[in-house]
Amino acid sequence: MLQILLWRDEVREPGGLGPSAPVTDRELHLAELLLCELTGVEMQQLEDEYGHTLEQLVAAKVAAEIMRSEVPELPTPQPAVDLMAALEQSVQAARRTRQYAGPARPPQWKPSI
């Protein structure tokens, strides 16, 4: 993605972006040799694996949309459960079972001497 810089404050000095070690003559020669060798590459021989995979993904999504349009309509959702009412019922049921079991005895206090 390309973006045009419009304001002077958006442009920075390169500063320390370059290599900190000096570049030798041998490295420059190897870089030139590499560039000379790469110019002989035929673009038709290269395969775009990413583009091919992306095309397959788009085709699968299109097929899924076609299949999704053929799916019968989903049933209407049921109303949500009132959680507060369910909690109150649960508490009342717990109190009723506790009443049948008898009152709980408070713990007896013993002085520690």
C-alpha atoms as a PDB file:
ATOM      1  CA  MET A   1       0.000   0.000   0.000  1.00  0.00           C
ATOM      2  CA  LEU A   2       1.413   3.376  -0.927  1.00  0.00           C
ATOM      3  CA  GLN A   3       0.821   6.667   0.774  1.00  0.00           C
ATOM      4  CA  ILE A   4       2.019  10.103  -0.260  1.00  0.00           C
ATOM      5  CA  LEU A   5       3.683  12.193   2.437  1.00  0.00           C
ATOM      6  CA  LEU A   6       2.178  15.640   2.430  1.00  0.00           C
ATOM      7  CA  TRP A   7       3.790  17.446   5.347  1.00  0.00           C
ATOM      8  CA  ARG A   8       7.405  18.211   6.148  1.00  0.00           C
ATOM      9  CA  ASP A   9       7.069  16.792   9.685  1.00  0.00           C
ATOM     10  CA  GLU A  10       6.110  13.397   8.233  1.00  0.00           C
ATOM     11  CA  VAL A  11       9.550  13.015   6.616  1.00  0.00           C
ATOM     12  CA  ARG A  12      12.341  11.854   8.921  1.00  0.00           C
ATOM     13  CA  GLU A  13      16.069  11.864   8.444  1.00  0.00           C
ATOM     14  CA  PRO A  14      17.356   8.323   7.871  1.00  0.00           C
ATOM     15  CA  GLY A  15      19.602   8.623  10.937  1.00  0.00           C
ATOM     16  CA  GLY A  16      20.584   5.181  12.186  1.00  0.00           C
ATOM     17  CA  LEU A  17      18.549   3.169   9.677  1.00  0.00           C
ATOM     18  CA  GLY A  18      21.608   2.160   7.668  1.00  0.00           C
ATOM     19  CA  PRO A  19      23.937  -0.681   8.667  1.00  0.00           C
ATOM     20  CA  SER A  20      26.215   0.148  11.563  1.00  0.00           C
ATOM     21  CA  ALA A  21      29.073  -1.959  10.158  1.00  0.00           C
ATOM     22  CA  PRO A  22      30.916  -0.722   7.067  1.00  0.00           C
ATOM     23  CA  VAL A  23      30.155  -2.510   3.804  1.00  0.00           C
ATOM     24  CA  THR A  24      33.141  -4.238   2.221  1.00  0.00           C
ATOM     25  CA  ASP A  25      34.017  -4.296  -1.471  1.00  0.00           C
ATOM     26  CA  ARG A  26      33.382  -8.049  -1.569  1.00  0.00           C
ATOM     27  CA  GLU A  27      29.830  -7.549  -0.263  1.00  0.00           C
ATOM     28  CA  LEU A  28      29.176  -4.875  -2.884  1.00  0.00           C
ATOM     29  CA  HIS A  29      30.491  -7.207  -5.612  1.00  0.00           C
ATOM     30  CA  LEU A  30      28.237 -10.052  -4.394  1.00  0.00           C
ATOM     31  CA  ALA A  31      25.224  -7.698  -4.306  1.00  0.00           C
ATOM     32  CA  GLU A  32      25.888  -6.591  -7.894  1.00  0.00           C
ATOM     33  CA  LEU A  33      26.287 -10.224  -8.967  1.00  0.00           C
ATOM     34  CA  LEU A  34      23.011 -11.147  -7.317  1.00  0.00           C
ATOM     35  CA  LEU A  35      21.171  -8.318  -9.059  1.00  0.00           C
ATOM     36  CA  CYS A  36      22.654  -9.312 -12.406  1.00  0.00           C
ATOM     37  CA  GLU A  37      21.535 -12.909 -11.895  1.00  0.00           C
ATOM     38  CA  LEU A  38      18.012 -11.907 -10.839  1.00  0.00           C
ATOM     39  CA  THR A  39      17.410  -9.836 -13.960  1.00  0.00           C
ATOM     40  CA  GLY A  40      17.272 -13.033 -16.007  1.00  0.00           C
ATOM     41  CA  VAL A  41      14.176 -14.311 -14.156  1.00  0.00           C
ATOM     42  CA  GLU A  42      11.108 -14.729 -16.341  1.00  0.00           C
ATOM     43  CA  MET A  43       7.998 -13.514 -14.538  1.00  0.00           C
ATOM     44  CA  GLN A  44       5.846 -16.093 -16.370  1.00  0.00           C
ATOM     45  CA  GLN A  45       7.854 -18.881 -14.731  1.00  0.00           C
ATOM     46  CA  LEU A  46       7.042 -17.665 -11.238  1.00  0.00           C
ATOM     47  CA  GLU A  47       3.896 -18.921  -9.547  1.00  0.00           C
ATOM     48  CA  ASP A  48       1.797 -16.743  -7.305  1.00  0.00           C
ATOM     49  CA  GLU A  49       0.883 -19.196  -4.550  1.00  0.00           C
ATOM     50  CA  TYR A  50      -0.766 -16.506  -2.435  1.00  0.00           C
ATOM     51  CA  GLY A  51      -2.985 -15.342  -5.298  1.00  0.00           C
ATOM     52  CA  HIS A  52      -3.942 -18.934  -6.134  1.00  0.00           C
ATOM     53  CA  THR A  53      -4.840 -19.662  -2.508  1.00  0.00           C
ATOM     54  CA  LEU A  54      -6.798 -16.413  -2.278  1.00  0.00           C
ATOM     55  CA  GLU A  55      -8.786 -17.298  -5.405  1.00  0.00           C
ATOM     56  CA  GLN A  56      -9.650 -20.695  -3.878  1.00  0.00           C
ATOM     57  CA  LEU A  57     -10.781 -19.009  -0.661  1.00  0.00           C
ATOM     58  CA  VAL A  58     -13.010 -16.558  -2.549  1.00  0.00           C
ATOM     59  CA  ALA A  59     -14.516 -19.399  -4.588  1.00  0.00           C
ATOM     60  CA  ALA A  60     -15.239 -21.361  -1.403  1.00  0.00           C
ATOM     61  CA  LYS A  61     -16.890 -18.322   0.194  1.00  0.00           C
ATOM     62  CA  VAL A  62     -19.049 -17.757  -2.902  1.00  0.00           C
ATOM     63  CA  ALA A  63     -20.083 -21.418  -2.861  1.00  0.00           C
ATOM     64  CA  ALA A  64     -20.924 -21.159   0.840  1.00  0.00           C
ATOM     65  CA  GLU A  65     -23.101 -18.077   0.174  1.00  0.00           C
ATOM     66  CA  ILE A  66     -24.958 -19.976  -2.528  1.00  0.00           C
ATOM     67  CA  MET A  67     -25.485 -22.901  -0.165  1.00  0.00           C
ATOM     68  CA  ARG A  68     -26.483 -20.552   2.662  1.00  0.00           C
ATOM     69  CA  SER A  69     -29.248 -19.049   0.499  1.00  0.00           C
ATOM     70  CA  GLU A  70     -30.654 -22.571  -0.040  1.00  0.00           C
ATOM     71  CA  VAL A  71     -30.845 -23.343   3.696  1.00  0.00           C
ATOM     72  CA  PRO A  72     -34.405 -23.278   5.063  1.00  0.00           C
ATOM     73  CA  GLU A  73     -35.350 -20.449   7.377  1.00  0.00           C
ATOM     74  CA  LEU A  74     -34.278 -20.884  10.991  1.00  0.00           C
ATOM     75  CA  PRO A  75     -36.929 -21.237  13.694  1.00  0.00           C
ATOM     76  CA  THR A  76     -37.821 -18.135  15.653  1.00  0.00           C
ATOM     77  CA  PRO A  77     -35.847 -17.789  18.877  1.00  0.00           C
ATOM     78  CA  GLN A  78     -37.593 -18.274  22.197  1.00  0.00           C
ATOM     79  CA  PRO A  79     -37.711 -15.408  24.701  1.00  0.00           C
ATOM     80  CA  ALA A  80     -34.877 -15.282  27.190  1.00  0.00           C
ATOM     81  CA  VAL A  81     -35.319 -16.676  30.691  1.00  0.00           C
ATOM     82  CA  ASP A  82     -35.765 -14.085  33.425  1.00  0.00           C
ATOM     83  CA  LEU A  83     -32.700 -14.804  35.554  1.00  0.00           C
ATOM     84  CA  MET A  84     -33.927 -12.845  38.578  1.00  0.00           C
ATOM     85  CA  ALA A  85     -37.210 -14.791  38.669  1.00  0.00           C
ATOM     86  CA  ALA A  86     -35.303 -18.077  38.349  1.00  0.00           C
ATOM     87  CA  LEU A  87     -32.984 -17.039  41.191  1.00  0.00           C
ATOM     88  CA  GLU A  88     -35.905 -16.098  43.439  1.00  0.00           C
ATOM     89  CA  GLN A  89     -37.587 -19.458  42.761  1.00  0.00           C
ATOM     90  CA  SER A  90     -34.348 -21.262  43.546  1.00  0.00           C
ATOM     91  CA  VAL A  91     -33.906 -19.378  46.841  1.00  0.00           C
ATOM     92  CA  GLN A  92     -37.520 -20.040  47.870  1.00  0.00           C
ATOM     93  CA  ALA A  93     -37.153 -23.752  47.068  1.00  0.00           C
ATOM     94  CA  ALA A  94     -33.965 -23.911  49.151  1.00  0.00           C
ATOM     95  CA  ARG A  95     -35.706 -22.189  52.087  1.00  0.00           C
ATOM     96  CA  ARG A  96     -38.619 -24.652  51.910  1.00  0.00           C
ATOM     97  CA  THR A  97     -36.312 -27.665  52.034  1.00  0.00           C
ATOM     98  CA  ARG A  98     -34.424 -26.129  54.947  1.00  0.00           C
ATOM     99  CA  GLN A  99     -37.676 -25.629  56.906  1.00  0.00           C
ATOM    100  CA  TYR A 100     -38.570 -29.318  56.570  1.00  0.00           C
ATOM    101  CA  ALA A 101     -35.140 -30.383  57.768  1.00  0.00           C
ATOM    102  CA  GLY A 102     -35.594 -28.435  60.986  1.00  0.00           C
ATOM    103  CA  PRO A 103     -33.970 -25.299  62.255  1.00  0.00           C
ATOM    104  CA  ALA A 104     -30.241 -25.171  62.258  1.00  0.00           C
ATOM    105  CA  ARG A 105     -28.639 -24.983  65.684  1.00  0.00           C
ATOM    106  CA  PRO A 106     -26.408 -22.007  66.270  1.00  0.00           C
ATOM    107  CA  PRO A 107     -22.809 -22.884  67.149  1.00  0.00           C
ATOM    108  CA  GLN A 108     -22.155 -23.005  70.861  1.00  0.00           C
ATOM    109  CA  TRP A 109     -19.651 -20.590  72.250  1.00  0.00           C
ATOM    110  CA  LYS A 110     -16.971 -21.948  74.529  1.00  0.00           C
ATOM    111  CA  PRO A 111     -14.608 -19.658  76.371  1.00  0.00           C
ATOM    112  CA  SER A 112     -10.973 -20.464  75.736  1.00  0.00           C
ATOM    113  CA  ILE A 113      -9.019 -20.211  78.987  1.00  0.00           C
END
